[in-house]
């Protein structure tokens, strides 16, 4: 399977039926957060990141084949310029 990516600069769904393999975060001018959740904004957060203001770019690899998202992979961001999620479809 091919690795794909989805980028958001506001909270929203990046992909459905996938395994998240990594996350790239571009920090904002204030401290921020990135939560990657199952289904939607009310879903459980599998990945929770705190990002320092003006922290530049950060890449977080997910080992062991990634984290599965059966329905939607929802990215909830606050004070973040952009998030790119790297994933494989099932």
PDB file of N, CA and C in Angstrom:
ATOM      1  N   UNK A   1       0.822  -1.183   0.000  1.00  0.00           N
ATOM      2  CA  UNK A   1       0.000   0.000   0.000  1.00  0.00           C
ATOM      3  C   UNK A   1       0.869   1.251   0.000  1.00  0.00           C
ATOM      4  N   UNK A   2       0.349   2.280  -0.593  1.00  0.00           N
ATOM      5  CA  UNK A   2       1.084   3.529  -0.689  1.00  0.00           C
ATOM      6  C   UNK A   2       0.806   4.418   0.522  1.00  0.00           C
ATOM      7  N   UNK A   3       1.824   5.143   0.942  1.00  0.00           N
ATOM      8  CA  UNK A   3       1.663   6.122   2.003  1.00  0.00           C
ATOM      9  C   UNK A   3       1.070   7.388   1.406  1.00  0.00           C
ATOM     10  N   UNK A   4       0.056   7.921   2.078  1.00  0.00           N
ATOM     11  CA  UNK A   4      -0.609   9.144   1.649  1.00  0.00           C
ATOM     12  C   UNK A   4      -0.481  10.175   2.753  1.00  0.00           C
ATOM     13  N   UNK A   5      -0.880  11.403   2.460  1.00  0.00           N
ATOM     14  CA  UNK A   5      -0.876  12.418   3.500  1.00  0.00           C
ATOM     15  C   UNK A   5      -2.076  13.337   3.331  1.00  0.00           C
ATOM     16  N   UNK A   6      -2.494  13.906   4.448  1.00  0.00           N
ATOM     17  CA  UNK A   6      -3.566  14.884   4.472  1.00  0.00           C
ATOM     18  C   UNK A   6      -3.148  16.033   5.360  1.00  0.00           C
ATOM     19  N   UNK A   7      -3.390  17.261   4.891  1.00  0.00           N
ATOM     20  CA  UNK A   7      -2.972  18.446   5.627  1.00  0.00           C
ATOM     21  C   UNK A   7      -4.186  19.271   6.028  1.00  0.00           C
ATOM     22  N   UNK A   8      -4.165  19.774   7.259  1.00  0.00           N
ATOM     23  CA  UNK A   8      -5.225  20.665   7.740  1.00  0.00           C
ATOM     24  C   UNK A   8      -4.601  21.889   8.408  1.00  0.00           C
ATOM     25  N   UNK A   9      -5.287  23.014   8.287  1.00  0.00           N
ATOM     26  CA  UNK A   9      -4.895  24.193   9.063  1.00  0.00           C
ATOM     27  C   UNK A   9      -6.060  24.673   9.931  1.00  0.00           C
ATOM     28  N   UNK A  10      -7.147  23.898   9.921  1.00  0.00           N
ATOM     29  CA  UNK A  10      -8.271  24.024  10.855  1.00  0.00           C
ATOM     30  C   UNK A  10      -8.652  22.593  11.238  1.00  0.00           C
ATOM     31  N   UNK A  11      -9.349  22.423  12.328  1.00  0.00           N
ATOM     32  CA  UNK A  11      -9.743  21.080  12.767  1.00  0.00           C
ATOM     33  C   UNK A  11     -10.628  20.415  11.725  1.00  0.00           C
ATOM     34  N   UNK A  12     -10.424  19.099  11.529  1.00  0.00           N
ATOM     35  CA  UNK A  12     -11.253  18.372  10.585  1.00  0.00           C
ATOM     36  C   UNK A  12     -10.760  16.967  10.313  1.00  0.00           C
ATOM     37  N   UNK A  13     -11.518  16.242   9.488  1.00  0.00           N
ATOM     38  CA  UNK A  13     -11.195  14.863   9.115  1.00  0.00           C
ATOM     39  C   UNK A  13     -10.098  14.871   8.054  1.00  0.00           C
ATOM     40  N   UNK A  14      -9.087  14.029   8.274  1.00  0.00           N
ATOM     41  CA  UNK A  14      -7.984  13.904   7.325  1.00  0.00           C
ATOM     42  C   UNK A  14      -8.184  12.690   6.424  1.00  0.00           C
ATOM     43  N   UNK A  15      -8.665  11.581   6.991  1.00  0.00           N
ATOM     44  CA  UNK A  15      -8.822  10.343   6.228  1.00  0.00           C
ATOM     45  C   UNK A  15      -9.795   9.425   6.959  1.00  0.00           C
ATOM     46  N   UNK A  16     -10.205   8.372   6.280  1.00  0.00           N
ATOM     47  CA  UNK A  16     -11.083   7.361   6.868  1.00  0.00           C
ATOM     48  C   UNK A  16     -10.517   5.982   6.568  1.00  0.00           C
ATOM     49  N   UNK A  17     -10.687   5.053   7.506  1.00  0.00           N
ATOM     50  CA  UNK A  17     -10.216   3.680   7.303  1.00  0.00           C
ATOM     51  C   UNK A  17      -8.733   3.615   7.009  1.00  0.00           C
ATOM     52  N   UNK A  18      -7.934   4.074   7.969  1.00  0.00           N
ATOM     53  CA  UNK A  18      -6.494   4.167   7.717  1.00  0.00           C
ATOM     54  C   UNK A  18      -5.699   3.871   8.987  1.00  0.00           C
ATOM     55  N   UNK A  19      -4.388   3.753   8.814  1.00  0.00           N
ATOM     56  CA  UNK A  19      -3.452   3.678   9.934  1.00  0.00           C
ATOM     57  C   UNK A  19      -2.549   4.902   9.849  1.00  0.00           C
ATOM     58  N   UNK A  20      -2.500   5.682  10.923  1.00  0.00           N
ATOM     59  CA  UNK A  20      -1.649   6.867  10.961  1.00  0.00           C
ATOM     60  C   UNK A  20      -0.219   6.441  11.258  1.00  0.00           C
ATOM     61  N   UNK A  21       0.700   6.857  10.383  1.00  0.00           N
ATOM     62  CA  UNK A  21       2.098   6.459  10.489  1.00  0.00           C
ATOM     63  C   UNK A  21       2.997   7.560  11.033  1.00  0.00           C
ATOM     64  N   UNK A  22       2.542   8.801  10.925  1.00  0.00           N
ATOM     65  CA  UNK A  22       3.355   9.920  11.403  1.00  0.00           C
ATOM     66  C   UNK A  22       2.575  11.213  11.328  1.00  0.00           C
ATOM     67  N   UNK A  23       3.079  12.206  12.081  1.00  0.00           N
ATOM     68  CA  UNK A  23       2.427  13.504  12.142  1.00  0.00           C
ATOM     69  C   UNK A  23       3.498  14.593  12.045  1.00  0.00           C
ATOM     70  N   UNK A  24       3.272  15.548  11.144  1.00  0.00           N
ATOM     71  CA  UNK A  24       4.147  16.715  11.026  1.00  0.00           C
ATOM     72  C   UNK A  24       3.362  17.929  11.498  1.00  0.00           C
ATOM     73  N   UNK A  25       3.948  18.690  12.432  1.00  0.00           N
ATOM     74  CA  UNK A  25       3.280  19.847  13.016  1.00  0.00           C
ATOM     75  C   UNK A  25       4.100  21.097  12.737  1.00  0.00           C
ATOM     76  N   UNK A  26       3.429  22.138  12.246  1.00  0.00           N
ATOM     77  CA  UNK A  26       4.051  23.448  12.084  1.00  0.00           C
ATOM     78  C   UNK A  26       3.466  24.342  13.174  1.00  0.00           C
ATOM     79  N   UNK A  27       4.311  24.717  14.140  1.00  0.00           N
ATOM     80  CA  UNK A  27       3.875  25.466  15.309  1.00  0.00           C
ATOM     81  C   UNK A  27       3.390  26.863  14.935  1.00  0.00           C
ATOM     82  N   UNK A  28       2.505  27.391  15.769  1.00  0.00           N
ATOM     83  CA  UNK A  28       2.017  28.754  15.606  1.00  0.00           C
ATOM     84  C   UNK A  28       2.793  29.715  16.483  1.00  0.00           C
ATOM     85  N   UNK A  29       2.266  30.933  16.628  1.00  0.00           N
ATOM     86  CA  UNK A  29       2.942  31.953  17.421  1.00  0.00           C
ATOM     87  C   UNK A  29       2.586  31.883  18.902  1.00  0.00           C
ATOM     88  N   UNK A  30       1.645  31.016  19.258  1.00  0.00           N
ATOM     89  CA  UNK A  30       1.281  30.772  20.654  1.00  0.00           C
ATOM     90  C   UNK A  30       1.421  29.282  20.930  1.00  0.00           C
ATOM     91  N   UNK A  31       1.556  28.913  22.205  1.00  0.00           N
ATOM     92  CA  UNK A  31       1.556  27.489  22.549  1.00  0.00           C
ATOM     93  C   UNK A  31       0.265  26.873  22.018  1.00  0.00           C
ATOM     94  N   UNK A  32       0.363  25.648  21.487  1.00  0.00           N
ATOM     95  CA  UNK A  32      -0.810  25.023  20.897  1.00  0.00           C
ATOM     96  C   UNK A  32      -0.908  23.547  21.211  1.00  0.00           C
ATOM     97  N   UNK A  33      -1.976  22.947  20.706  1.00  0.00           N
ATOM     98  CA  UNK A  33      -2.205  21.521  20.908  1.00  0.00           C
ATOM     99  C   UNK A  33      -2.684  20.872  19.617  1.00  0.00           C
ATOM    100  N   UNK A  34      -2.378  19.593  19.500  1.00  0.00           N
ATOM    101  CA  UNK A  34      -2.874  18.751  18.418  1.00  0.00           C
ATOM    102  C   UNK A  34      -3.396  17.477  19.058  1.00  0.00           C
ATOM    103  N   UNK A  35      -4.664  17.167  18.821  1.00  0.00           N
ATOM    104  CA  UNK A  35      -5.257  15.909  19.277  1.00  0.00           C
ATOM    105  C   UNK A  35      -5.772  15.174  18.049  1.00  0.00           C
ATOM    106  N   UNK A  36      -5.354  13.946  17.878  1.00  0.00           N
ATOM    107  CA  UNK A  36      -5.840  13.133  16.767  1.00  0.00           C
ATOM    108  C   UNK A  36      -6.812  12.122  17.347  1.00  0.00           C
ATOM    109  N   UNK A  37      -8.062  12.208  16.878  1.00  0.00           N
ATOM    110  CA  UNK A  37      -9.167  11.499  17.506  1.00  0.00           C
ATOM    111  C   UNK A  37      -9.860  10.529  16.560  1.00  0.00           C
ATOM    112  N   UNK A  38     -10.530   9.573  17.174  1.00  0.00           N
ATOM    113  CA  UNK A  38     -11.392   8.654  16.440  1.00  0.00           C
ATOM    114  C   UNK A  38     -12.698   9.367  16.079  1.00  0.00           C
ATOM    115  N   UNK A  39     -13.131   9.275  14.849  1.00  0.00           N
ATOM    116  CA  UNK A  39     -14.435   9.685  14.336  1.00  0.00           C
ATOM    117  C   UNK A  39     -14.607  11.194  14.165  1.00  0.00           C
ATOM    118  N   UNK A  40     -14.676  11.971  15.278  1.00  0.00           N
ATOM    119  CA  UNK A  40     -14.975  13.398  15.174  1.00  0.00           C
ATOM    120  C   UNK A  40     -14.441  14.131  16.409  1.00  0.00           C
ATOM    121  N   UNK A  41     -14.836  15.390  16.571  1.00  0.00           N
ATOM    122  CA  UNK A  41     -14.339  16.210  17.679  1.00  0.00           C
ATOM    123  C   UNK A  41     -14.655  15.624  19.046  1.00  0.00           C
ATOM    124  N   UNK A  42     -15.696  14.796  19.134  1.00  0.00           N
ATOM    125  CA  UNK A  42     -16.082  14.192  20.406  1.00  0.00           C
ATOM    126  C   UNK A  42     -15.427  12.835  20.658  1.00  0.00           C
ATOM    127  N   UNK A  43     -14.631  12.361  19.709  1.00  0.00           N
ATOM    128  CA  UNK A  43     -14.005  11.046  19.825  1.00  0.00           C
ATOM    129  C   UNK A  43     -12.867  11.014  20.828  1.00  0.00           C
ATOM    130  N   UNK A  44     -12.413   9.808  21.123  1.00  0.00           N
ATOM    131  CA  UNK A  44     -11.287   9.650  22.045  1.00  0.00           C
ATOM    132  C   UNK A  44      -9.992  10.012  21.325  1.00  0.00           C
ATOM    133  N   UNK A  45      -9.106  10.703  22.038  1.00  0.00           N
ATOM    134  CA  UNK A  45      -7.826  11.120  21.455  1.00  0.00           C
ATOM    135  C   UNK A  45      -6.788  10.016  21.639  1.00  0.00           C
ATOM    136  N   UNK A  46      -6.263   9.518  20.523  1.00  0.00           N
ATOM    137  CA  UNK A  46      -5.192   8.521  20.566  1.00  0.00           C
ATOM    138  C   UNK A  46      -3.826   9.185  20.624  1.00  0.00           C
ATOM    139  N   UNK A  47      -3.726  10.380  20.051  1.00  0.00           N
ATOM    140  CA  UNK A  47      -2.473  11.134  20.043  1.00  0.00           C
ATOM    141  C   UNK A  47      -2.779  12.528  20.583  1.00  0.00           C
ATOM    142  N   UNK A  48      -2.042  12.941  21.610  1.00  0.00           N
ATOM    143  CA  UNK A  48      -2.196  14.273  22.180  1.00  0.00           C
ATOM    144  C   UNK A  48      -0.820  14.927  22.238  1.00  0.00           C
ATOM    145  N   UNK A  49      -0.678  16.059  21.553  1.00  0.00           N
ATOM    146  CA  UNK A  49       0.609  16.752  21.486  1.00  0.00           C
ATOM    147  C   UNK A  49       0.466  18.171  22.009  1.00  0.00           C
ATOM    148  N   UNK A  50       1.442  18.611  22.775  1.00  0.00           N
ATOM    149  CA  UNK A  50       1.535  20.002  23.188  1.00  0.00           C
ATOM    150  C   UNK A  50       2.717  20.598  22.441  1.00  0.00           C
ATOM    151  N   UNK A  51       2.487  21.742  21.803  1.00  0.00           N
ATOM    152  CA  UNK A  51       3.493  22.341  20.931  1.00  0.00           C
ATOM    153  C   UNK A  51       3.841  23.730  21.456  1.00  0.00           C
ATOM    154  N   UNK A  52       5.134  23.999  21.575  1.00  0.00           N
ATOM    155  CA  UNK A  52       5.621  25.278  22.057  1.00  0.00           C
ATOM    156  C   UNK A  52       5.513  26.342  20.976  1.00  0.00           C
ATOM    157  N   UNK A  53       5.155  27.562  21.376  1.00  0.00           N
ATOM    158  CA  UNK A  53       5.064  28.680  20.441  1.00  0.00           C
ATOM    159  C   UNK A  53       6.366  28.843  19.669  1.00  0.00           C
ATOM    160  N   UNK A  54       6.235  29.124  18.380  1.00  0.00           N
ATOM    161  CA  UNK A  54       7.388  29.345  17.503  1.00  0.00           C
ATOM    162  C   UNK A  54       8.377  28.187  17.563  1.00  0.00           C
ATOM    163  N   UNK A  55       7.872  26.987  17.820  1.00  0.00           N
ATOM    164  CA  UNK A  55       8.725  25.802  17.933  1.00  0.00           C
ATOM    165  C   UNK A  55       9.177  25.240  16.597  1.00  0.00           C
ATOM    166  N   UNK A  56       8.783  25.876  15.503  1.00  0.00           N
ATOM    167  CA  UNK A  56       9.192  25.404  14.192  1.00  0.00           C
ATOM    168  C   UNK A  56       8.412  24.167  13.785  1.00  0.00           C
ATOM    169  N   UNK A  57       9.035  23.347  12.972  1.00  0.00           N
ATOM    170  CA  UNK A  57       8.412  22.122  12.479  1.00  0.00           C
ATOM    171  C   UNK A  57       8.858  20.938  13.325  1.00  0.00           C
ATOM    172  N   UNK A  58       7.903  20.043  13.590  1.00  0.00           N
ATOM    173  CA  UNK A  58       8.206  18.828  14.335  1.00  0.00           C
ATOM    174  C   UNK A  58       7.572  17.653  13.615  1.00  0.00           C
ATOM    175  N   UNK A  59       8.312  16.538  13.515  1.00  0.00           N
ATOM    176  CA  UNK A  59       7.768  15.313  12.931  1.00  0.00           C
ATOM    177  C   UNK A  59       7.776  14.238  14.002  1.00  0.00           C
ATOM    178  N   UNK A  60       6.634  13.583  14.164  1.00  0.00           N
ATOM    179  CA  UNK A  60       6.500  12.517  15.147  1.00  0.00           C
ATOM    180  C   UNK A  60       6.145  11.227  14.410  1.00  0.00           C
ATOM    181  N   UNK A  61       7.078  10.271  14.306  1.00  0.00           N
ATOM    182  CA  UNK A  61       6.758   8.988  13.673  1.00  0.00           C
ATOM    183  C   UNK A  61       5.975   8.101  14.637  1.00  0.00           C
ATOM    184  N   UNK A  62       5.082   7.286  14.088  1.00  0.00           N
ATOM    185  CA  UNK A  62       4.310   6.337  14.889  1.00  0.00           C
ATOM    186  C   UNK A  62       4.835   4.936  14.562  1.00  0.00           C
ATOM    187  N   UNK A  63       5.459   4.256  15.512  1.00  0.00           N
ATOM    188  CA  UNK A  63       6.056   2.941  15.240  1.00  0.00           C
ATOM    189  C   UNK A  63       5.024   1.817  15.163  1.00  0.00           C
ATOM    190  N   UNK A  64       5.487   0.660  14.745  1.00  0.00           N
ATOM    191  CA  UNK A  64       4.684  -0.561  14.795  1.00  0.00           C
ATOM    192  C   UNK A  64       3.500  -0.606  13.856  1.00  0.00           C
ATOM    193  N   UNK A  65       3.593  -0.003  12.707  1.00  0.00           N
ATOM    194  CA  UNK A  65       2.489  -0.054  11.748  1.00  0.00           C
ATOM    195  C   UNK A  65       1.438   1.012  11.933  1.00  0.00           C
ATOM    196  N   UNK A  66       1.652   1.921  12.889  1.00  0.00           N
ATOM    197  CA  UNK A  66       0.751   3.049  13.065  1.00  0.00           C
ATOM    198  C   UNK A  66      -0.416   2.775  13.987  1.00  0.00           C
ATOM    199  N   UNK A  67      -1.297   3.775  14.086  1.00  0.00           N
ATOM    200  CA  UNK A  67      -2.509   3.686  14.904  1.00  0.00           C
ATOM    201  C   UNK A  67      -3.699   3.597  13.964  1.00  0.00           C
ATOM    202  N   UNK A  68      -4.545   2.557  14.113  1.00  0.00           N
ATOM    203  CA  UNK A  68      -5.686   2.389  13.203  1.00  0.00           C
ATOM    204  C   UNK A  68      -6.853   3.326  13.525  1.00  0.00           C
ATOM    205  N   UNK A  69      -7.450   3.834  12.468  1.00  0.00           N
ATOM    206  CA  UNK A  69      -8.656   4.670  12.552  1.00  0.00           C
ATOM    207  C   UNK A  69      -9.686   4.052  11.622  1.00  0.00           C
ATOM    208  N   UNK A  70     -10.626   3.307  12.195  1.00  0.00           N
ATOM    209  CA  UNK A  70     -11.613   2.586  11.404  1.00  0.00           C
ATOM    210  C   UNK A  70     -12.609   3.472  10.706  1.00  0.00           C
ATOM    211  N   UNK A  71     -13.084   4.493  11.392  1.00  0.00           N
ATOM    212  CA  UNK A  71     -14.058   5.403  10.772  1.00  0.00           C
ATOM    213  C   UNK A  71     -13.287   6.601  10.228  1.00  0.00           C
ATOM    214  N   UNK A  72     -13.231   7.677  10.985  1.00  0.00           N
ATOM    215  CA  UNK A  72     -12.513   8.874  10.564  1.00  0.00           C
ATOM    216  C   UNK A  72     -11.306   9.130  11.448  1.00  0.00           C
ATOM    217  N   UNK A  73     -10.295   9.727  10.859  1.00  0.00           N
ATOM    218  CA  UNK A  73      -9.150  10.257  11.591  1.00  0.00           C
ATOM    219  C   UNK A  73      -9.369  11.766  11.659  1.00  0.00           C
ATOM    220  N   UNK A  74      -9.762  12.247  12.840  1.00  0.00           N
ATOM    221  CA  UNK A  74     -10.110  13.649  13.033  1.00  0.00           C
ATOM    222  C   UNK A  74      -8.958  14.355  13.741  1.00  0.00           C
ATOM    223  N   UNK A  75      -8.497  15.470  13.176  1.00  0.00           N
ATOM    224  CA  UNK A  75      -7.415  16.249  13.763  1.00  0.00           C
ATOM    225  C   UNK A  75      -8.008  17.511  14.386  1.00  0.00           C
ATOM    226  N   UNK A  76      -7.824  17.651  15.693  1.00  0.00           N
ATOM    227  CA  UNK A  76      -8.330  18.798  16.449  1.00  0.00           C
ATOM    228  C   UNK A  76      -7.127  19.668  16.799  1.00  0.00           C
ATOM    229  N   UNK A  77      -7.075  20.903  16.265  1.00  0.00           N
ATOM    230  CA  UNK A  77      -5.914  21.752  16.503  1.00  0.00           C
ATOM    231  C   UNK A  77      -6.318  23.066  17.163  1.00  0.00           C
ATOM    232  N   UNK A  78      -5.383  23.608  17.948  1.00  0.00           N
ATOM    233  CA  UNK A  78      -5.546  24.920  18.563  1.00  0.00           C
ATOM    234  C   UNK A  78      -4.196  25.631  18.525  1.00  0.00           C
ATOM    235  N   UNK A  79      -4.174  26.827  17.966  1.00  0.00           N
ATOM    236  CA  UNK A  79      -2.958  27.649  17.869  1.00  0.00           C
ATOM    237  C   UNK A  79      -1.823  26.944  17.123  1.00  0.00           C
ATOM    238  N   UNK A  80      -2.171  26.244  16.072  1.00  0.00           N
ATOM    239  CA  UNK A  80      -1.215  25.528  15.226  1.00  0.00           C
ATOM    240  C   UNK A  80      -1.385  26.038  13.798  1.00  0.00           C
ATOM    241  N   UNK A  81      -0.261  26.268  13.098  1.00  0.00           N
ATOM    242  CA  UNK A  81      -0.363  26.739  11.712  1.00  0.00           C
ATOM    243  C   UNK A  81      -0.852  25.643  10.771  1.00  0.00           C
ATOM    244  N   UNK A  82      -0.327  24.433  10.918  1.00  0.00           N
ATOM    245  CA  UNK A  82      -0.749  23.335  10.036  1.00  0.00           C
ATOM    246  C   UNK A  82      -0.307  21.995  10.616  1.00  0.00           C
ATOM    247  N   UNK A  83      -1.069  20.954  10.253  1.00  0.00           N
ATOM    248  CA  UNK A  83      -0.734  19.572  10.622  1.00  0.00           C
ATOM    249  C   UNK A  83      -0.862  18.714   9.377  1.00  0.00           C
ATOM    250  N   UNK A  84       0.165  17.913   9.119  1.00  0.00           N
ATOM    251  CA  UNK A  84       0.117  16.937   8.038  1.00  0.00           C
ATOM    252  C   UNK A  84       0.178  15.554   8.660  1.00  0.00           C
ATOM    253  N   UNK A  85      -0.784  14.714   8.303  1.00  0.00           N
ATOM    254  CA  UNK A  85      -0.853  13.344   8.815  1.00  0.00           C
ATOM    255  C   UNK A  85      -0.472  12.395   7.688  1.00  0.00           C
ATOM    256  N   UNK A  86       0.482  11.517   7.959  1.00  0.00           N
ATOM    257  CA  UNK A  86       0.912  10.501   6.999  1.00  0.00           C
ATOM    258  C   UNK A  86       0.210   9.191   7.377  1.00  0.00           C
ATOM    259  N   UNK A  87      -0.393   8.543   6.385  1.00  0.00           N
ATOM    260  CA  UNK A  87      -1.214   7.356   6.675  1.00  0.00           C
ATOM    261  C   UNK A  87      -1.221   6.391   5.509  1.00  0.00           C
ATOM    262  N   UNK A  88      -1.674   5.165   5.802  1.00  0.00           N
ATOM    263  CA  UNK A  88      -1.955   4.139   4.800  1.00  0.00           C
ATOM    264  C   UNK A  88      -3.413   3.751   4.926  1.00  0.00           C
ATOM    265  N   UNK A  89      -4.089   3.627   3.783  1.00  0.00           N
ATOM    266  CA  UNK A  89      -5.452   3.110   3.804  1.00  0.00           C
ATOM    267  C   UNK A  89      -5.426   1.633   4.163  1.00  0.00           C
ATOM    268  N   UNK A  90      -6.518   1.146   4.723  1.00  0.00           N
ATOM    269  CA  UNK A  90      -6.633  -0.289   5.011  1.00  0.00           C
ATOM    270  C   UNK A  90      -6.700  -1.058   3.717  1.00  0.00           C
TER     271      UNK A  90
END
